[in-house]
Amino acid sequence: MKKHILLLLGILFLILQACTTDEEITIKSNDDSEITTTIKTYPGTIDRPAIKSRNKVVVRYKPHLTGSQRYLIRNQNHVKKHKTCSCGDGDLELWIIDNAMISVEEVVENLETDADVEGDYQLYFSIDNQQIAFEDPTPNNLIAPPGNRSTVNIAIIDTGIDYASFSKPFLYSNPRNQNCPGEVSGYNFVNKSPNVQDDAGHGTLVTKLITSKLDKEHIDYRVLPVKAFDENGRGSYWNIICAMNYVIHKQPVIDIVNMSFGWYIAPEEIPESNQEILKMMIDSKMRTTLFTASAGNVPSNEQPHDVDTGGNLHFPSGYDSANLLTVAGYNPSSTIYIDPKTHTIKNVKLADRSNYGTISIDMVAPFSGYFPISEEFGEPVGTSFSCAYTTARVADFFTIGSTPSNVKNELWDSAYTSTDMQTVTKEGKVIVHNREN
């Protein structure tokens, strides 16, 4: 079966690279059965938009709705079957609709006028994947005791972590706050289990980068690993929604959520305003939690995308949320010149594969070449790691009573300003490796 899945994904890749305009394809999903979808591409835009399911819709009810009211709403929208997250909030559902009676576009349009429920398209997308083979030990020796008020709690939504790659207790856990069956630290929303062992590699690299820097700076922290992507780096909007819902309900509160992933949407296919459930979750933690998101990368044979233009919209980095920090990447170079008197930096170049945007992207951080790691892992390259580096940097500003707004401003003030980067980010802010203002 796995060979068939890989074959189908390979066909999908070839279709997308060829920029065909309207192709039908069937792939396997993590939330059951098969997905038959139409891949569309548009001239002058990205050729790898997120895949929209033809028969699934992600919904979020208002908490006051009764079971019978929810049943009525599902019935009105021809829902054949529905699922809830494998653990957590029962107000979230994944609908499988009857396509003979209604389309996903009609369902989402219907829900736009219903004040009691939000509806988003179900999307499928991938992250760059390292494909590192790991063993499968237990995390018990890595569970840290609950921290104190100065401890920085960081959630990492990714491919999980390799337990054997870490030696000291650092995992977030609160025995009185376990809301998923068998939970130890974190949860696996791909396989619906408490085992977040990394079978891909990306999440482990992101986590290693963050923890290595925090250890060096002697910052007290706990990490909550949440697995939302499978061994091939594939994920879905539904997995992300369930993972985020799990994170934002944690107590003690999570201070930082690292999102080294993203997806593109073509507005001709998915109007930007239709994918709001995740944004509402981020906004709901305005006073307590800072979210970091990567700007995204392009293949080596493409030019970087301006993610503020119509066909290149990238999320979650494209959400306009005050407690969201978005990061592109720059190439470290010996020609970079720092003026400590003016807090400026010169000769900074956007990484060849990093996306950019003067509206949605806040700053740049190192894209590669700053994190020595063993041959087993290879060198981390990409905005995923620019984002992780920023997460580690911003953790230094969390103190008792900090708010996301205050922390974001402190990071902003600590960064250098580049006139070169003002053309590709909001204000040209640059985070320099091992150096602060």
Protein backbone atom coordinates (compact mmCIF):
# COMPACT_ATOMS: atom_id res chain seq x y z
CA MET A 1 0.00 0.00 0.00
CA LYS A 2 2.80 2.41 0.86
CA LYS A 3 4.33 1.88 -2.60
CA HIS A 4 1.01 2.81 -4.18
CA ILE A 5 0.81 5.97 -2.06
CA LEU A 6 4.34 7.01 -3.02
CA LEU A 7 3.56 6.35 -6.67
CA LEU A 8 0.45 8.49 -6.51
CA LEU A 9 2.34 11.29 -4.78
CA GLY A 10 5.00 11.09 -7.46
CA ILE A 11 2.31 11.45 -10.11
CA LEU A 12 0.93 14.44 -8.22
CA PHE A 13 4.38 16.05 -8.17
CA LEU A 14 4.83 15.57 -11.90
CA ILE A 15 1.42 17.01 -12.63
CA LEU A 16 2.14 20.08 -10.54
CA GLN A 17 5.60 20.62 -12.02
CA ALA A 18 4.18 20.41 -15.52
CA CYS A 19 1.73 23.24 -14.68
CA THR A 20 -1.28 21.55 -16.19
CA THR A 21 -4.42 23.61 -15.82
CA ASP A 22 -6.99 21.08 -14.73
CA GLU A 23 -6.08 17.52 -13.65
CA GLU A 24 -7.98 15.07 -11.51
CA ILE A 25 -5.99 12.96 -9.06
CA THR A 26 -6.69 10.56 -6.21
CA ILE A 27 -4.46 10.34 -3.12
CA LYS A 28 -4.69 8.78 0.31
CA SER A 29 -5.51 10.99 3.28
CA ASN A 30 -4.69 10.68 6.97
CA ASP A 31 -8.32 11.21 7.90
CA ASP A 32 -9.65 8.14 6.06
CA SER A 33 -10.33 6.79 2.60
CA GLU A 34 -9.31 8.45 -0.62
CA ILE A 35 -9.42 12.02 -1.82
CA THR A 36 -10.29 12.75 -5.41
CA THR A 37 -9.49 16.33 -6.21
CA THR A 38 -8.80 18.66 -9.09
CA ILE A 39 -5.39 20.33 -9.28
CA LYS A 40 -5.56 23.75 -10.91
CA THR A 41 -2.68 26.05 -11.72
CA TYR A 42 -2.77 29.66 -12.80
CA PRO A 43 -0.40 31.56 -15.12
CA GLY A 44 2.15 33.66 -13.25
CA THR A 45 1.42 32.10 -9.87
CA ILE A 46 2.67 29.23 -7.73
CA ASP A 47 2.24 25.78 -9.20
CA ARG A 48 1.95 23.91 -5.90
CA PRO A 49 -1.13 25.25 -4.11
CA ALA A 50 -2.65 23.29 -1.25
CA ILE A 51 -4.93 20.50 -2.43
CA LYS A 52 -8.59 21.12 -1.63
CA SER A 53 -10.70 18.11 -0.72
CA ARG A 54 -13.83 17.71 -2.80
CA ASN A 55 -15.91 16.14 -0.06
CA LYS A 56 -14.58 17.37 3.31
CA VAL A 57 -15.15 20.58 5.26
CA VAL A 58 -13.64 21.67 8.60
CA VAL A 59 -16.19 23.28 10.94
CA ARG A 60 -16.24 24.90 14.35
CA TYR A 61 -19.47 25.31 16.30
CA LYS A 62 -20.26 27.98 18.82
CA PRO A 63 -20.05 26.27 22.25
CA HIS A 64 -23.69 26.92 23.16
CA LEU A 65 -25.14 24.72 20.42
CA THR A 66 -26.94 21.58 21.55
CA GLY A 67 -26.49 18.17 19.98
CA SER A 68 -29.83 18.41 18.20
CA GLN A 69 -28.97 21.83 16.79
CA ARG A 70 -25.69 20.48 15.44
CA TYR A 71 -27.54 17.53 13.92
CA LEU A 72 -29.90 19.91 12.14
CA ILE A 73 -27.01 21.96 10.71
CA ARG A 74 -25.28 18.80 9.46
CA ASN A 75 -28.51 17.56 7.91
CA GLN A 76 -29.07 20.87 6.10
CA ASN A 77 -25.62 20.54 4.55
CA HIS A 78 -25.96 16.88 3.51
CA VAL A 79 -23.26 15.55 5.82
CA LYS A 80 -22.91 11.77 5.42
CA LYS A 81 -20.39 11.35 8.23
CA HIS A 82 -18.53 13.53 10.70
CA LYS A 83 -15.44 13.19 12.88
CA THR A 84 -14.12 15.01 15.90
CA CYS A 85 -10.48 15.56 16.85
CA SER A 86 -8.92 12.42 18.33
CA CYS A 87 -8.73 14.33 21.61
CA GLY A 88 -9.75 17.77 22.77
CA ASP A 89 -12.54 20.14 21.81
CA GLY A 90 -15.84 18.60 20.67
CA ASP A 91 -16.80 21.87 18.97
CA LEU A 92 -14.56 20.97 16.03
CA GLU A 93 -15.72 18.56 13.34
CA LEU A 94 -14.57 17.26 9.98
CA TRP A 95 -17.57 16.77 7.72
CA ILE A 96 -17.72 14.27 4.86
CA ILE A 97 -20.51 15.51 2.61
CA ASP A 98 -22.70 13.88 -0.02
CA ASN A 99 -21.33 15.22 -3.30
CA ALA A 100 -24.39 13.99 -5.13
CA MET A 101 -26.41 16.60 -3.23
CA ILE A 102 -24.01 19.47 -2.56
CA SER A 103 -20.45 20.69 -3.25
CA VAL A 104 -17.87 21.77 -0.68
CA GLU A 105 -18.06 25.27 -2.14
CA GLU A 106 -21.79 25.40 -1.48
CA VAL A 107 -21.31 24.13 2.08
CA VAL A 108 -18.67 26.74 2.89
CA GLU A 109 -20.85 29.45 1.35
CA ASN A 110 -23.85 28.28 3.43
CA LEU A 111 -21.82 28.43 6.63
CA GLU A 112 -20.67 31.99 5.91
CA THR A 113 -24.19 33.14 6.66
CA ASP A 114 -24.65 30.95 9.75
CA ALA A 115 -23.65 32.77 12.94
CA ASP A 116 -23.47 29.51 14.91
CA VAL A 117 -20.76 27.71 12.93
CA GLU A 118 -17.61 28.50 10.96
CA GLY A 119 -16.62 26.46 7.91
CA ASP A 120 -13.26 26.13 6.14
CA TYR A 121 -12.08 23.98 3.27
CA GLN A 122 -10.12 20.85 4.14
CA LEU A 123 -6.64 21.25 2.61
CA TYR A 124 -3.66 18.93 2.12
CA PHE A 125 -0.06 20.14 1.96
CA SER A 126 3.53 19.13 2.79
CA ILE A 127 6.68 20.45 4.44
CA ASP A 128 10.28 19.97 3.32
CA ASN A 129 11.31 16.62 4.73
CA GLN A 130 14.68 15.27 5.89
CA GLN A 131 13.67 11.57 5.89
CA ILE A 132 15.90 10.49 8.79
CA ALA A 133 15.42 7.03 10.28
CA PHE A 134 14.95 7.03 14.05
CA GLU A 135 14.44 4.41 16.69
CA ASP A 136 11.29 4.36 18.78
CA PRO A 137 12.22 4.63 22.48
CA THR A 138 10.00 5.92 25.27
CA PRO A 139 10.02 9.57 26.40
CA ASN A 140 9.83 8.85 30.13
CA ASN A 141 13.38 9.94 30.94
CA LEU A 142 12.80 13.23 29.10
CA ILE A 143 9.80 14.41 31.10
CA ALA A 144 10.74 17.51 33.08
CA PRO A 145 8.98 18.51 36.30
CA PRO A 146 6.52 21.39 35.93
CA GLY A 147 8.37 24.69 35.64
CA ASN A 148 7.88 27.87 37.61
CA ARG A 149 6.50 31.23 36.54
CA SER A 150 9.72 32.13 34.74
CA THR A 151 9.80 28.91 32.66
CA VAL A 152 9.14 29.46 28.95
CA ASN A 153 6.71 26.87 27.55
CA ILE A 154 7.11 26.23 23.82
CA ALA A 155 4.84 24.10 21.62
CA ILE A 156 6.26 22.82 18.33
CA ILE A 157 3.69 21.67 15.76
CA ASP A 158 5.62 19.55 13.29
CA THR A 159 6.56 15.91 12.55
CA GLY A 160 7.20 15.08 16.22
CA ILE A 161 10.58 14.56 17.88
CA ASP A 162 13.12 11.74 18.07
CA TYR A 163 13.34 10.94 21.77
CA ALA A 164 16.81 9.39 21.41
CA SER A 165 18.25 12.65 20.07
CA PHE A 166 17.82 14.40 23.43
CA SER A 167 19.49 13.56 26.71
CA LYS A 168 18.13 15.82 29.44
CA PRO A 169 14.53 16.20 30.71
CA PHE A 170 12.89 19.03 28.79
CA LEU A 171 9.40 17.91 27.81
CA TYR A 172 6.34 19.81 29.00
CA SER A 173 3.98 17.79 31.15
CA ASN A 174 1.31 18.46 33.71
CA PRO A 175 -0.28 15.25 35.04
CA ARG A 176 -3.36 17.21 36.14
CA ASN A 177 -3.82 18.66 32.67
CA GLN A 178 -3.87 15.60 30.42
CA ASN A 179 -6.82 15.74 28.05
CA CYS A 180 -5.86 13.02 25.56
CA PRO A 181 -5.87 9.23 26.14
CA GLY A 182 -2.49 7.99 27.35
CA GLU A 183 -0.90 11.42 27.01
CA VAL A 184 2.64 11.81 28.38
CA SER A 185 3.90 14.94 26.63
CA GLY A 186 2.33 16.05 23.40
CA TYR A 187 0.03 14.17 21.04
CA ASN A 188 0.11 12.59 17.59
CA PHE A 189 -2.79 13.83 15.47
CA VAL A 190 -1.68 11.79 12.46
CA ASN A 191 -1.95 8.36 14.07
CA LYS A 192 -4.24 9.41 16.92
CA SER A 193 -1.90 8.36 19.72
CA PRO A 194 0.25 9.87 22.50
CA ASN A 195 3.43 8.70 20.73
CA VAL A 196 5.00 11.74 19.01
CA GLN A 197 8.12 9.87 17.85
CA ASP A 198 9.47 11.58 14.73
CA ASP A 199 9.44 9.37 11.63
CA ALA A 200 10.41 12.16 9.24
CA GLY A 201 13.18 14.29 10.74
CA HIS A 202 11.94 17.85 10.28
CA GLY A 203 10.46 18.26 13.75
CA THR A 204 13.58 16.90 15.44
CA LEU A 205 15.82 19.38 13.59
CA VAL A 206 13.54 22.29 14.46
CA THR A 207 13.45 21.22 18.12
CA LYS A 208 17.22 20.64 18.30
CA LEU A 209 17.89 24.11 16.94
CA ILE A 210 15.59 25.74 19.50
CA THR A 211 16.75 23.74 22.52
CA SER A 212 20.46 24.06 21.67
CA LYS A 213 20.22 27.84 21.65
CA LEU A 214 18.14 27.95 24.83
CA ASP A 215 20.60 25.67 26.63
CA LYS A 216 23.46 27.91 25.55
CA GLU A 217 21.63 30.96 26.90
CA HIS A 218 20.71 29.12 30.16
CA ILE A 219 17.00 29.77 29.64
CA ASP A 220 14.59 27.57 31.59
CA TYR A 221 12.12 26.03 29.14
CA ARG A 222 9.73 23.16 28.46
CA VAL A 223 8.83 21.83 25.00
CA LEU A 224 5.44 20.38 24.05
CA PRO A 225 5.89 18.35 20.81
CA VAL A 226 2.76 18.00 18.70
CA LYS A 227 2.78 15.75 15.63
CA ALA A 228 0.62 16.95 12.72
CA PHE A 229 2.68 15.73 9.73
CA ASP A 230 3.42 12.14 8.70
CA GLU A 231 6.63 10.34 7.73
CA ASN A 232 6.53 11.95 4.28
CA GLY A 233 5.98 15.46 5.59
CA ARG A 234 2.31 15.46 4.58
CA GLY A 235 -0.32 17.16 6.67
CA SER A 236 -3.78 18.63 6.46
CA TYR A 237 -5.67 21.66 7.65
CA TRP A 238 -7.75 19.38 9.88
CA ASN A 239 -4.63 17.97 11.57
CA ILE A 240 -3.34 21.51 12.15
CA ILE A 241 -6.69 22.65 13.58
CA CYS A 242 -6.81 19.72 16.01
CA ALA A 243 -3.17 20.24 16.99
CA MET A 244 -3.67 23.96 17.57
CA ASN A 245 -6.83 23.40 19.56
CA TYR A 246 -4.89 20.99 21.78
CA VAL A 247 -2.09 23.52 22.31
CA ILE A 248 -4.17 26.60 23.12
CA HIS A 249 -6.08 24.80 25.88
CA LYS A 250 -2.96 23.75 27.78
CA GLN A 251 -2.35 24.88 31.37
CA PRO A 252 0.18 26.18 32.33
CA VAL A 253 -0.27 28.33 29.25
CA ILE A 254 2.00 27.85 26.23
CA ASP A 255 4.09 31.00 25.71
CA ILE A 256 5.33 30.37 22.15
CA VAL A 257 3.97 28.17 19.35
CA ASN A 258 6.50 27.39 16.59
CA MET A 259 4.91 26.83 13.16
CA SER A 260 7.72 25.90 10.75
CA PHE A 261 5.26 24.95 8.02
CA GLY A 262 2.79 26.53 5.67
CA TRP A 263 0.72 26.20 2.54
CA TYR A 264 -0.13 28.29 -0.50
CA ILE A 265 -3.62 29.04 -1.67
CA ALA A 266 -4.68 30.19 -5.10
CA PRO A 267 -7.45 32.79 -4.57
CA GLU A 268 -9.19 31.63 -7.73
CA GLU A 269 -9.66 28.28 -5.97
CA ILE A 270 -9.89 29.21 -2.28
CA PRO A 271 -10.86 32.75 -1.24
CA GLU A 272 -8.54 33.96 1.54
CA SER A 273 -11.48 34.81 3.80
CA ASN A 274 -12.63 31.18 3.86
CA GLN A 275 -9.75 29.83 6.00
CA GLU A 276 -10.41 31.65 9.27
CA ILE A 277 -10.72 28.96 11.96
CA LEU A 278 -6.96 28.75 12.52
CA LYS A 279 -6.66 32.54 12.59
CA MET A 280 -9.41 32.76 15.20
CA MET A 281 -7.52 30.27 17.37
CA ILE A 282 -4.36 32.37 17.11
CA ASP A 283 -6.27 35.57 17.88
CA SER A 284 -7.92 33.96 20.91
CA LYS A 285 -4.50 33.84 22.63
CA MET A 286 -3.70 37.50 21.96
CA ARG A 287 -2.82 38.20 25.59
CA THR A 288 -0.82 35.07 26.40
CA THR A 289 0.82 33.37 23.42
CA LEU A 290 3.15 34.42 20.62
CA PHE A 291 3.06 32.39 17.40
CA THR A 292 6.02 32.19 15.02
CA ALA A 293 5.57 31.18 11.37
CA SER A 294 7.93 30.59 8.45
CA ALA A 295 7.56 32.49 5.17
CA GLY A 296 8.08 29.35 3.08
CA ASN A 297 10.65 28.22 0.53
CA VAL A 298 10.71 27.60 -3.21
CA PRO A 299 12.50 24.85 -5.18
CA SER A 300 16.05 25.65 -6.27
CA ASN A 301 14.95 26.17 -9.88
CA GLU A 302 12.42 28.91 -9.02
CA GLN A 303 12.57 32.54 -8.01
CA PRO A 304 11.36 33.45 -4.47
CA HIS A 305 7.68 34.34 -4.23
CA ASP A 306 6.24 37.63 -3.04
CA VAL A 307 3.66 36.08 -0.72
CA ASP A 308 1.60 39.28 -0.66
CA THR A 309 0.57 38.88 -4.29
CA GLY A 310 -2.60 37.11 -5.33
CA GLY A 311 -1.43 33.72 -6.56
CA ASN A 312 1.30 33.27 -3.95
CA LEU A 313 -0.61 33.74 -0.69
CA HIS A 314 1.06 31.70 2.05
CA PHE A 315 -0.41 30.69 5.42
CA PRO A 316 -0.30 30.77 8.40
CA SER A 317 2.37 33.44 7.78
CA GLY A 318 -0.20 35.45 5.82
CA TYR A 319 -2.63 35.90 8.73
CA ASP A 320 -2.90 39.46 10.03
CA SER A 321 -2.67 38.69 13.75
CA ALA A 322 -0.95 40.95 16.28
CA ASN A 323 0.50 37.97 18.19
CA LEU A 324 1.95 36.35 15.06
CA LEU A 325 5.64 36.81 14.13
CA THR A 326 6.54 35.86 10.55
CA VAL A 327 10.06 35.09 9.37
CA ALA A 328 11.90 34.90 6.03
CA GLY A 329 15.54 33.87 5.59
CA TYR A 330 18.81 35.54 4.63
CA ASN A 331 22.17 34.08 3.69
CA PRO A 332 24.96 34.60 6.26
CA SER A 333 27.95 36.17 4.54
CA SER A 334 31.40 37.52 5.38
CA THR A 335 30.51 40.74 3.56
CA ILE A 336 27.77 41.66 6.03
CA TYR A 337 28.66 44.86 7.89
CA ILE A 338 27.12 45.85 11.24
CA ASP A 339 27.14 49.44 12.51
CA PRO A 340 26.52 49.21 16.28
CA LYS A 341 26.09 52.98 16.61
CA THR A 342 23.13 53.19 14.25
CA HIS A 343 21.89 49.62 14.85
CA THR A 344 21.97 49.02 11.12
CA ILE A 345 23.32 46.22 8.97
CA LYS A 346 24.48 46.28 5.35
CA ASN A 347 25.00 43.79 2.51
CA VAL A 348 22.22 41.48 3.68
CA LYS A 349 20.78 39.33 0.90
CA LEU A 350 17.54 37.40 0.93
CA ALA A 351 18.19 33.67 0.67
CA ASP A 352 17.75 32.39 -2.87
CA ARG A 353 14.90 30.09 -1.88
CA SER A 354 13.16 32.25 0.75
CA ASN A 355 9.78 33.81 0.16
CA TYR A 356 9.26 37.45 1.10
CA GLY A 357 6.57 40.11 1.50
CA THR A 358 6.47 43.74 2.64
CA ILE A 359 2.98 43.32 4.10
CA SER A 360 2.96 39.91 5.79
CA ILE A 361 6.62 39.14 6.60
CA ASP A 362 8.02 40.77 9.75
CA MET A 363 11.75 40.05 9.59
CA VAL A 364 14.55 37.82 8.37
CA ALA A 365 16.73 35.36 10.31
CA PRO A 366 19.58 33.06 9.21
CA PHE A 367 18.49 30.64 6.48
CA SER A 368 21.45 28.26 6.79
CA GLY A 369 25.06 27.94 7.88
CA TYR A 370 24.59 28.82 11.53
CA PHE A 371 23.84 25.54 13.25
CA PRO A 372 26.58 22.88 13.44
CA ILE A 373 25.03 19.45 13.52
CA SER A 374 26.11 15.86 12.95
CA GLU A 375 26.33 14.17 9.54
CA GLU A 376 23.34 12.06 10.51
CA PHE A 377 21.09 15.11 10.39
CA GLY A 378 22.69 17.13 7.63
CA GLU A 379 22.59 20.92 7.55
CA PRO A 380 19.24 22.58 8.31
CA VAL A 381 18.34 24.86 5.41
CA GLY A 382 15.14 26.85 4.94
CA THR A 383 12.75 29.31 6.53
CA SER A 384 11.57 26.50 8.83
CA PHE A 385 14.86 26.96 10.64
CA SER A 386 14.83 30.75 10.32
CA CYS A 387 11.54 30.50 12.19
CA ALA A 388 12.97 28.10 14.78
CA TYR A 389 15.95 30.38 15.35
CA THR A 390 13.54 33.27 15.93
CA THR A 391 11.53 31.19 18.40
CA ALA A 392 14.69 30.56 20.42
CA ARG A 393 15.64 34.23 20.28
CA VAL A 394 12.22 35.49 21.34
CA ALA A 395 12.14 33.07 24.31
CA ASP A 396 14.85 35.19 25.88
CA PHE A 397 12.38 38.08 26.22
CA PHE A 398 9.67 36.16 28.06
CA THR A 399 9.63 37.13 31.72
CA ILE A 400 6.97 37.01 34.42
CA GLY A 401 4.03 39.12 33.26
CA SER A 402 5.19 39.38 29.63
CA THR A 403 2.61 39.77 26.89
CA PRO A 404 3.08 38.74 23.24
CA SER A 405 2.93 42.40 22.25
CA ASN A 406 5.70 43.37 24.68
CA VAL A 407 7.89 40.44 23.67
CA LYS A 408 7.42 41.12 19.97
CA ASN A 409 8.40 44.77 20.50
CA GLU A 410 11.51 43.79 22.46
CA LEU A 411 12.59 41.42 19.70
CA TRP A 412 11.91 44.17 17.16
CA ASP A 413 14.14 46.59 19.10
CA SER A 414 16.93 44.01 19.45
CA ALA A 415 17.09 43.36 15.70
CA TYR A 416 19.21 45.33 13.23
CA THR A 417 17.70 47.38 10.41
CA SER A 418 18.66 46.77 6.79
CA THR A 419 17.69 49.01 3.89
CA ASP A 420 18.09 45.95 1.63
CA MET A 421 15.54 44.00 3.65
CA GLN A 422 13.10 46.92 3.74
CA THR A 423 12.27 46.02 0.16
CA VAL A 424 11.24 42.46 1.08
CA THR A 425 9.85 42.70 4.66
CA LYS A 426 7.74 45.12 6.67
CA GLU A 427 10.57 47.22 8.13
CA GLY A 428 13.78 45.48 7.19
CA LYS A 429 14.49 43.91 10.58
CA VAL A 430 17.32 41.34 10.71
CA ILE A 431 18.12 38.82 13.45
CA VAL A 432 21.86 38.21 13.41
CA HIS A 433 23.28 34.92 14.64
CA ASN A 434 24.87 35.22 18.11
CA ARG A 435 24.54 39.00 18.15
CA GLU A 436 22.00 41.42 19.57
CA ASN A 437 21.79 45.20 19.76
